[in-house]
C-alpha atoms as a PDB file:
ATOM      1  CA  MET A   1      72.922 170.678  89.587  1.00  0.00           C
ATOM      2  CA  LYS A   2      69.942 169.814  87.381  1.00  0.00           C
ATOM      3  CA  ILE A   3      70.893 167.597  84.417  1.00  0.00           C
ATOM      4  CA  LEU A   4      68.830 166.592  81.385  1.00  0.00           C
ATOM      5  CA  VAL A   5      69.941 163.518  79.413  1.00  0.00           C
ATOM      6  CA  THR A   6      68.791 162.289  75.999  1.00  0.00           C
ATOM      7  CA  GLY A   7      69.631 158.800  74.750  1.00  0.00           C
ATOM      8  CA  ALA A   8      69.459 157.419  78.304  1.00  0.00           C
ATOM      9  CA  THR A   9      68.507 153.907  77.155  1.00  0.00           C
ATOM     10  CA  GLY A  10      71.539 153.576  74.870  1.00  0.00           C
ATOM     11  CA  LEU A  11      74.840 151.906  75.715  1.00  0.00           C
ATOM     12  CA  ILE A  12      76.578 155.090  76.873  1.00  0.00           C
ATOM     13  CA  GLY A  13      73.465 156.797  78.216  1.00  0.00           C
ATOM     14  CA  SER A  14      72.404 153.967  80.520  1.00  0.00           C
ATOM     15  CA  ARG A  15      75.857 153.715  82.070  1.00  0.00           C
ATOM     16  CA  LEU A  16      76.106 157.490  82.285  1.00  0.00           C
ATOM     17  CA  ILE A  17      72.995 157.613  84.475  1.00  0.00           C
ATOM     18  CA  ASP A  18      74.651 155.178  86.894  1.00  0.00           C
ATOM     19  CA  ALA A  19      77.851 157.251  86.905  1.00  0.00           C
ATOM     20  CA  LEU A  20      75.984 160.497  87.605  1.00  0.00           C
ATOM     21  CA  ILE A  21      74.069 158.972  90.501  1.00  0.00           C
ATOM     22  CA  MET A  22      77.282 157.485  91.938  1.00  0.00           C
ATOM     23  CA  SER A  23      78.836 160.971  91.685  1.00  0.00           C
ATOM     24  CA  GLY A  24      76.066 162.391  93.879  1.00  0.00           C
ATOM     25  CA  TYR A  25      73.793 164.050  91.300  1.00  0.00           C
ATOM     26  CA  SER A  26      70.154 163.661  92.295  1.00  0.00           C
ATOM     27  CA  ASP A  27      68.134 165.922  89.957  1.00  0.00           C
ATOM     28  CA  ILE A  28      68.575 163.951  86.722  1.00  0.00           C
ATOM     29  CA  ARG A  29      65.884 164.220  84.060  1.00  0.00           C
ATOM     30  CA  ILE A  30      65.417 162.001  81.029  1.00  0.00           C
ATOM     31  CA  LEU A  31      64.133 163.108  77.629  1.00  0.00           C
ATOM     32  CA  ALA A  32      62.713 160.076  75.794  1.00  0.00           C
ATOM     33  CA  ARG A  33      60.614 159.432  72.710  1.00  0.00           C
ATOM     34  CA  ASN A  34      58.683 156.802  74.652  1.00  0.00           C
ATOM     35  CA  ARG A  35      58.440 157.147  78.436  1.00  0.00           C
ATOM     36  CA  GLY A  36      57.410 153.515  78.767  1.00  0.00           C
ATOM     37  CA  ASP A  37      60.475 152.389  76.811  1.00  0.00           C
ATOM     38  CA  TYR A  38      62.761 154.007  79.377  1.00  0.00           C
ATOM     39  CA  PHE A  39      61.044 152.351  82.334  1.00  0.00           C
ATOM     40  CA  ASN A  40      61.157 148.981  80.549  1.00  0.00           C
ATOM     41  CA  LYS A  41      64.932 149.223  80.139  1.00  0.00           C
ATOM     42  CA  GLN A  42      65.947 151.069  83.311  1.00  0.00           C
ATOM     43  CA  SER A  43      65.157 150.296  86.938  1.00  0.00           C
ATOM     44  CA  ILE A  44      66.314 153.694  88.250  1.00  0.00           C
ATOM     45  CA  PRO A  45      63.240 155.875  88.979  1.00  0.00           C
ATOM     46  CA  LEU A  46      63.941 159.270  87.410  1.00  0.00           C
ATOM     47  CA  LYS A  47      61.794 162.033  85.975  1.00  0.00           C
ATOM     48  CA  VAL A  48      61.077 161.154  82.349  1.00  0.00           C
ATOM     49  CA  TYR A  49      59.767 163.684  79.830  1.00  0.00           C
ATOM     50  CA  GLN A  50      58.672 163.104  76.260  1.00  0.00           C
ATOM     51  CA  TRP A  51      59.872 164.536  72.964  1.00  0.00           C
ATOM     52  CA  ASP A  52      58.993 163.815  69.339  1.00  0.00           C
ATOM     53  CA  LEU A  53      61.316 164.831  66.507  1.00  0.00           C
ATOM     54  CA  LYS A  54      58.756 164.350  63.752  1.00  0.00           C
ATOM     55  CA  GLN A  55      56.222 166.542  65.547  1.00  0.00           C
ATOM     56  CA  ARG A  56      58.959 168.917  66.757  1.00  0.00           C
ATOM     57  CA  TYR A  57      57.648 168.577  70.286  1.00  0.00           C
ATOM     58  CA  ILE A  58      59.434 168.750  73.641  1.00  0.00           C
ATOM     59  CA  ASP A  59      57.784 168.811  77.035  1.00  0.00           C
ATOM     60  CA  ASP A  60      58.911 172.308  78.087  1.00  0.00           C
ATOM     61  CA  SER A  61      59.000 171.381  81.756  1.00  0.00           C
ATOM     62  CA  ALA A  62      61.979 169.107  81.055  1.00  0.00           C
ATOM     63  CA  LEU A  63      64.181 172.172  80.462  1.00  0.00           C
ATOM     64  CA  ARG A  64      62.834 174.289  83.305  1.00  0.00           C
ATOM     65  CA  ASN A  65      65.749 175.630  85.405  1.00  0.00           C
ATOM     66  CA  ILE A  66      68.078 173.020  83.895  1.00  0.00           C
ATOM     67  CA  ASP A  67      71.838 173.540  84.370  1.00  0.00           C
ATOM     68  CA  CYS A  68      73.256 171.073  81.859  1.00  0.00           C
ATOM     69  CA  ILE A  69      71.979 169.108  78.871  1.00  0.00           C
ATOM     70  CA  ILE A  70      73.781 165.924  77.783  1.00  0.00           C
ATOM     71  CA  HIS A  71      72.588 165.013  74.296  1.00  0.00           C
ATOM     72  CA  LEU A  72      73.430 161.421  73.310  1.00  0.00           C
ATOM     73  CA  ALA A  73      70.309 160.453  71.347  1.00  0.00           C
ATOM     74  CA  GLY A  74      70.595 159.348  67.729  1.00  0.00           C
ATOM     75  CA  GLU A  75      70.238 156.435  65.332  1.00  0.00           C
ATOM     76  CA  ASN A  76      72.597 153.551  66.127  1.00  0.00           C
ATOM     77  CA  ILE A  77      75.384 153.680  63.524  1.00  0.00           C
ATOM     78  CA  ALA A  78      76.581 150.154  64.389  1.00  0.00           C
ATOM     79  CA  SER A  79      73.363 148.403  63.382  1.00  0.00           C
ATOM     80  CA  GLY A  80      72.246 147.619  59.840  1.00  0.00           C
ATOM     81  CA  HIS A  81      73.802 148.403  56.478  1.00  0.00           C
ATOM     82  CA  TRP A  82      74.676 151.949  55.529  1.00  0.00           C
ATOM     83  CA  ASN A  83      72.369 152.249  52.541  1.00  0.00           C
ATOM     84  CA  ASP A  84      70.843 155.587  51.583  1.00  0.00           C
ATOM     85  CA  GLN A  85      67.893 155.118  53.938  1.00  0.00           C
ATOM     86  CA  LYS A  86      70.117 154.230  56.907  1.00  0.00           C
ATOM     87  CA  LYS A  87      72.390 157.208  56.250  1.00  0.00           C
ATOM     88  CA  ARG A  88      69.372 159.490  56.119  1.00  0.00           C
ATOM     89  CA  GLN A  89      68.133 158.103  59.450  1.00  0.00           C
ATOM     90  CA  ILE A  90      71.555 158.604  61.052  1.00  0.00           C
ATOM     91  CA  ARG A  91      71.814 162.163  59.807  1.00  0.00           C
ATOM     92  CA  ASP A  92      68.224 163.215  60.509  1.00  0.00           C
ATOM     93  CA  SER A  93      68.092 161.731  64.015  1.00  0.00           C
ATOM     94  CA  ARG A  94      71.093 163.792  65.055  1.00  0.00           C
ATOM     95  CA  VAL A  95      70.570 167.023  63.164  1.00  0.00           C
ATOM     96  CA  GLN A  96      66.851 167.273  63.888  1.00  0.00           C
ATOM     97  CA  GLY A  97      67.337 166.378  67.549  1.00  0.00           C
ATOM     98  CA  ILE A  98      70.001 169.032  68.108  1.00  0.00           C
ATOM     99  CA  GLN A  99      68.064 171.679  66.188  1.00  0.00           C
ATOM    100  CA  LEU A 100      64.885 170.995  68.168  1.00  0.00           C
ATOM    101  CA  LEU A 101      66.765 171.233  71.463  1.00  0.00           C
ATOM    102  CA  MET A 102      68.496 174.457  70.428  1.00  0.00           C
ATOM    103  CA  ASP A 103      65.251 176.053  69.244  1.00  0.00           C
ATOM    104  CA  THR A 104      63.546 175.092  72.500  1.00  0.00           C
ATOM    105  CA  ILE A 105      66.417 176.512  74.552  1.00  0.00           C
ATOM    106  CA  ARG A 106      66.335 179.741  72.547  1.00  0.00           C
ATOM    107  CA  ASN A 107      62.630 180.211  73.292  1.00  0.00           C
ATOM    108  CA  SER A 108      62.864 179.159  76.922  1.00  0.00           C
ATOM    109  CA  SER A 109      62.794 181.599  79.819  1.00  0.00           C
ATOM    110  CA  THR A 110      65.786 179.801  81.357  1.00  0.00           C
ATOM    111  CA  ARG A 111      68.969 178.533  79.721  1.00  0.00           C
ATOM    112  CA  PRO A 112      71.427 175.778  80.700  1.00  0.00           C
ATOM    113  CA  SER A 113      75.001 176.855  81.330  1.00  0.00           C
ATOM    114  CA  LYS A 114      76.374 173.867  79.427  1.00  0.00           C
ATOM    115  CA  PHE A 115      75.277 171.779  76.431  1.00  0.00           C
ATOM    116  CA  ILE A 116      77.244 168.548  75.926  1.00  0.00           C
ATOM    117  CA  VAL A 117      76.653 166.763  72.622  1.00  0.00           C
ATOM    118  CA  ALA A 118      77.931 163.416  71.342  1.00  0.00           C
ATOM    119  CA  SER A 119      80.090 163.670  68.241  1.00  0.00           C
ATOM    120  CA  ALA A 120      82.672 161.058  67.195  1.00  0.00           C
ATOM    121  CA  ILE A 121      86.300 160.593  66.171  1.00  0.00           C
ATOM    122  CA  GLY A 122      84.838 159.664  62.786  1.00  0.00           C
ATOM    123  CA  ILE A 123      84.987 163.409  62.140  1.00  0.00           C
ATOM    124  CA  TYR A 124      88.662 162.908  61.192  1.00  0.00           C
ATOM    125  CA  GLY A 125      87.843 160.324  58.507  1.00  0.00           C
ATOM    126  CA  ASP A 126      90.035 157.377  57.473  1.00  0.00           C
ATOM    127  CA  ARG A 127      93.631 158.614  57.815  1.00  0.00           C
ATOM    128  CA  GLY A 128      95.591 155.358  57.823  1.00  0.00           C
ATOM    129  CA  GLU A 129      98.676 155.553  60.070  1.00  0.00           C
ATOM    130  CA  GLU A 130      98.417 159.283  60.748  1.00  0.00           C
ATOM    131  CA  ILE A 131      98.298 160.063  64.470  1.00  0.00           C
ATOM    132  CA  LEU A 132      95.496 162.514  65.182  1.00  0.00           C
ATOM    133  CA  ASP A 133      94.519 164.847  67.996  1.00  0.00           C
ATOM    134  CA  SER A 134      91.918 167.568  68.528  1.00  0.00           C
ATOM    135  CA  THR A 135      93.948 170.033  66.427  1.00  0.00           C
ATOM    136  CA  SER A 136      94.127 167.736  63.376  1.00  0.00           C
ATOM    137  CA  GLU A 137      92.428 168.625  60.109  1.00  0.00           C
ATOM    138  CA  LEU A 138      88.932 167.171  59.762  1.00  0.00           C
ATOM    139  CA  GLY A 139      88.296 164.397  57.270  1.00  0.00           C
ATOM    140  CA  SER A 140      85.852 163.542  54.517  1.00  0.00           C
ATOM    141  CA  GLY A 141      83.231 160.871  53.942  1.00  0.00           C
ATOM    142  CA  PHE A 142      79.734 160.310  55.296  1.00  0.00           C
ATOM    143  CA  LEU A 143      80.502 159.959  59.016  1.00  0.00           C
ATOM    144  CA  SER A 144      82.932 162.859  58.947  1.00  0.00           C
ATOM    145  CA  GLN A 145      80.384 165.115  57.241  1.00  0.00           C
ATOM    146  CA  ASP A 146      77.689 164.012  59.699  1.00  0.00           C
ATOM    147  CA  CYS A 147      79.869 164.874  62.702  1.00  0.00           C
ATOM    148  CA  LYS A 148      80.917 168.201  61.193  1.00  0.00           C
ATOM    149  CA  GLU A 149      77.288 169.158  60.596  1.00  0.00           C
ATOM    150  CA  ILE A 150      76.397 168.272  64.188  1.00  0.00           C
ATOM    151  CA  GLU A 151      79.211 170.374  65.617  1.00  0.00           C
ATOM    152  CA  GLN A 152      78.592 173.310  63.294  1.00  0.00           C
ATOM    153  CA  ILE A 153      74.926 173.459  64.260  1.00  0.00           C
ATOM    154  CA  CYS A 154      75.826 173.467  67.953  1.00  0.00           C
ATOM    155  CA  LEU A 155      78.670 175.950  67.756  1.00  0.00           C
ATOM    156  CA  ASN A 156      76.854 178.384  65.458  1.00  0.00           C
ATOM    157  CA  GLN A 157      73.870 178.948  67.745  1.00  0.00           C
ATOM    158  CA  ASN A 158      75.451 181.896  69.580  1.00  0.00           C
ATOM    159  CA  LEU A 159      73.331 181.327  72.653  1.00  0.00           C
ATOM    160  CA  LYS A 160      74.724 183.600  75.333  1.00  0.00           C
ATOM    161  CA  ARG A 161      75.655 182.162  78.726  1.00  0.00           C
ATOM    162  CA  MET A 162      75.647 178.599  77.372  1.00  0.00           C
ATOM    163  CA  GLN A 163      78.876 176.735  76.707  1.00  0.00           C
ATOM    164  CA  VAL A 164      78.811 173.972  74.060  1.00  0.00           C
ATOM    165  CA  VAL A 165      81.026 170.900  74.448  1.00  0.00           C
ATOM    166  CA  CYS A 166      81.309 168.474  71.510  1.00  0.00           C
ATOM    167  CA  LEU A 167      82.462 165.029  72.675  1.00  0.00           C
ATOM    168  CA  ARG A 168      84.379 163.219  69.929  1.00  0.00           C
ATOM    169  CA  ILE A 169      83.787 159.690  71.174  1.00  0.00           C
ATOM    170  CA  GLY A 170      85.982 156.776  70.115  1.00  0.00           C
ATOM    171  CA  ILE A 171      85.052 153.118  69.592  1.00  0.00           C
ATOM    172  CA  VAL A 172      83.159 152.001  72.700  1.00  0.00           C
ATOM    173  CA  LEU A 173      84.108 148.790  74.491  1.00  0.00           C
ATOM    174  CA  ALA A 174      81.617 147.444  77.021  1.00  0.00           C
ATOM    175  CA  LYS A 175      80.358 143.964  77.791  1.00  0.00           C
ATOM    176  CA  GLU A 176      76.737 145.175  77.483  1.00  0.00           C
ATOM    177  CA  GLY A 177      77.021 146.113  73.831  1.00  0.00           C
ATOM    178  CA  GLY A 178      78.949 148.056  71.220  1.00  0.00           C
ATOM    179  CA  LEU A 179      81.908 146.626  69.311  1.00  0.00           C
ATOM    180  CA  LEU A 180      83.053 144.274  72.074  1.00  0.00           C
ATOM    181  CA  ARG A 181      79.734 142.431  72.234  1.00  0.00           C
ATOM    182  CA  LYS A 182      79.867 141.806  68.492  1.00  0.00           C
ATOM    183  CA  MET A 183      83.510 140.669  68.629  1.00  0.00           C
ATOM    184  CA  LEU A 184      83.472 138.371  71.664  1.00  0.00           C
ATOM    185  CA  PRO A 185      81.614 135.360  70.175  1.00  0.00           C
ATOM    186  CA  ILE A 186      84.101 135.171  67.306  1.00  0.00           C
ATOM    187  CA  PHE A 187      87.118 135.452  69.606  1.00  0.00           C
ATOM    188  CA  LYS A 188      85.697 132.840  71.998  1.00  0.00           C
ATOM    189  CA  LEU A 189      85.433 130.424  69.077  1.00  0.00           C
ATOM    190  CA  GLY A 190      89.100 131.046  68.305  1.00  0.00           C
ATOM    191  CA  ILE A 191      88.441 132.101  64.732  1.00  0.00           C
ATOM    192  CA  ALA A 192      88.961 135.854  64.997  1.00  0.00           C
ATOM    193  CA  GLY A 193      91.781 137.608  63.261  1.00  0.00           C
ATOM    194  CA  VAL A 194      93.002 141.114  62.641  1.00  0.00           C
ATOM    195  CA  LEU A 195      90.169 143.651  62.479  1.00  0.00           C
ATOM    196  CA  GLY A 196      90.460 145.600  59.224  1.00  0.00           C
ATOM    197  CA  ILE A 197      93.947 146.229  57.885  1.00  0.00           C
ATOM    198  CA  MET A 198      97.130 146.824  59.858  1.00  0.00           C
ATOM    199  CA  SER A 199      97.515 150.395  58.648  1.00  0.00           C
ATOM    200  CA  ILE A 200      94.339 151.583  60.401  1.00  0.00           C
ATOM    201  CA  TYR A 201      94.670 153.108  63.875  1.00  0.00           C
ATOM    202  CA  GLN A 202      91.702 153.231  66.221  1.00  0.00           C
ATOM    203  CA  ASN A 203      90.998 154.967  69.506  1.00  0.00           C
ATOM    204  CA  ILE A 204      89.195 152.755  72.004  1.00  0.00           C
ATOM    205  CA  TRP A 205      86.682 153.990  74.571  1.00  0.00           C
ATOM    206  CA  GLU A 206      86.570 151.678  77.613  1.00  0.00           C
ATOM    207  CA  LEU A 207      83.156 152.737  78.815  1.00  0.00           C
ATOM    208  CA  GLY A 208      83.495 152.467  82.583  1.00  0.00           C
ATOM    209  CA  MET A 209      86.835 154.272  82.657  1.00  0.00           C
ATOM    210  CA  LYS A 210      85.589 157.174  80.551  1.00  0.00           C
ATOM    211  CA  LEU A 211      82.304 157.684  82.369  1.00  0.00           C
ATOM    212  CA  GLU A 212      84.167 158.056  85.658  1.00  0.00           C
ATOM    213  CA  ARG A 213      85.631 161.260  84.178  1.00  0.00           C
ATOM    214  CA  PHE A 214      82.412 162.469  82.591  1.00  0.00           C
ATOM    215  CA  PRO A 215      81.249 164.705  85.481  1.00  0.00           C
ATOM    216  CA  THR A 216      84.446 166.775  85.108  1.00  0.00           C
ATOM    217  CA  LEU A 217      82.918 168.119  81.890  1.00  0.00           C
ATOM    218  CA  PHE A 218      80.498 170.117  84.010  1.00  0.00           C
ATOM    219  CA  LYS A 219      83.458 172.182  85.212  1.00  0.00           C
ATOM    220  CA  ARG A 220      85.809 172.287  82.220  1.00  0.00           C
ATOM    221  CA  ASN A 221      86.611 170.725  78.845  1.00  0.00           C
ATOM    222  CA  VAL A 222      88.524 167.459  79.001  1.00  0.00           C
ATOM    223  CA  SER A 223      89.482 164.785  76.519  1.00  0.00           C
ATOM    224  CA  LEU A 224      87.787 161.441  77.083  1.00  0.00           C
ATOM    225  CA  LEU A 225      89.892 159.594  74.516  1.00  0.00           C
ATOM    226  CA  ARG A 226      92.434 156.923  75.355  1.00  0.00           C
ATOM    227  CA  PRO A 227      96.002 158.067  74.494  1.00  0.00           C
ATOM    228  CA  PRO A 228      97.490 154.743  73.255  1.00  0.00           C
ATOM    229  CA  ILE A 229      97.018 153.704  69.650  1.00  0.00           C
ATOM    230  CA  VAL A 230      95.218 150.432  68.897  1.00  0.00           C
END
């Protein structure tokens, strides 16, 4: 199977590459804005191709005879303040990236059988103590609207012979980064308390555990969320 990954230098993407290689996949291609940036952050020698959202450019050879695209690229929502400029960057990085990939696929002589895109459980909004699952009504607010737009763009493409899978990812815990890395120094100092208010439920993504199940998405749709409430 030939797999193309965007966002390979991010927290999930970098660990995903390791998981795919451990699962026996050998033809893994990387789509990066800066080829040098990938090689500076990753020691695994893979084929790296360039794309540029502003110029609406993708190296066409990256998609040649590809079987699956895993699209994780996008502005980091955990860094910086969510002012108008940051929100615009979050939205544009995702929407423009997906649209460019879909347009390129549409005009390509070959088509992947599966397109896996990162969404988030933020699509359900802030619902307090309500227990949610994939059949729950979607929420409101910036992150919810952003996720809904991402999924609508993907699901409305009507590209024949290509299945779209939208991964609604929970809060990621990993020692390399994400929420846990920000929390640990405070907890080690013994000054941490309750995060947020007690009436908020969260779904936690333990990164290693979830990525072990990731390759099953090539065969069928599965939930990668953790059942217990936190």
